[in-house]
Amino acid sequence: MSVADIARTVGYEDSQYFFRVFKKATGQTPLQYRQQHRKQE
């Protein structure tokens, strides 16, 4: 799924705002988070 699709799925209409909230909460961008967790699988 794209970041925009994930943002809409969890209730954010503005994907840029979701991106900022995600980074603040996790300390990583959605792409960094995805890459890190793909390596663990």
Protein backbone atom coordinates (compact mmCIF):
# COMPACT_ATOMS: atom_id res chain seq x y z
CA MET A 1 0.00 0.00 0.00
CA SER A 2 1.11 3.55 -0.59
CA VAL A 3 1.52 5.97 2.31
CA ALA A 4 -1.45 7.96 0.99
CA ASP A 5 -3.63 4.81 0.99
CA ILE A 6 -2.55 3.94 4.52
CA ALA A 7 -3.25 7.50 5.68
CA ARG A 8 -6.77 7.36 4.25
CA THR A 9 -7.37 3.91 5.75
CA VAL A 10 -6.53 5.10 9.25
CA GLY A 11 -8.59 8.27 8.89
CA TYR A 12 -6.23 11.00 7.67
CA GLU A 13 -7.41 12.88 4.60
CA ASP A 14 -4.12 14.77 4.28
CA SER A 15 -1.27 12.33 3.64
CA GLN A 16 1.37 15.01 4.32
CA TYR A 17 -0.08 15.56 7.79
CA PHE A 18 -0.07 11.78 8.37
CA PHE A 19 3.58 11.72 7.28
CA ARG A 20 4.48 14.39 9.87
CA VAL A 21 2.50 12.72 12.66
CA PHE A 22 4.00 9.32 11.81
CA LYS A 23 7.55 10.68 11.90
CA LYS A 24 6.94 12.45 15.20
CA ALA A 25 5.48 9.29 16.76
CA THR A 26 8.04 6.79 15.46
CA GLY A 27 11.13 8.89 14.78
CA GLN A 28 11.19 7.49 11.24
CA THR A 29 9.57 8.31 7.94
CA PRO A 30 7.05 5.77 6.68
CA LEU A 31 9.59 4.64 4.06
CA GLN A 32 12.33 4.12 6.68
CA TYR A 33 9.87 2.21 8.86
CA ARG A 34 8.83 0.00 5.93
CA GLN A 35 12.43 -0.75 4.95
CA GLN A 36 13.43 -1.61 8.51
CA HIS A 37 10.50 -3.97 9.03
CA ARG A 38 10.91 -5.70 5.66
CA LYS A 39 14.44 -6.68 6.68
CA GLN A 40 13.10 -8.31 9.85
CA GLU A 41 10.62 -10.56 8.01
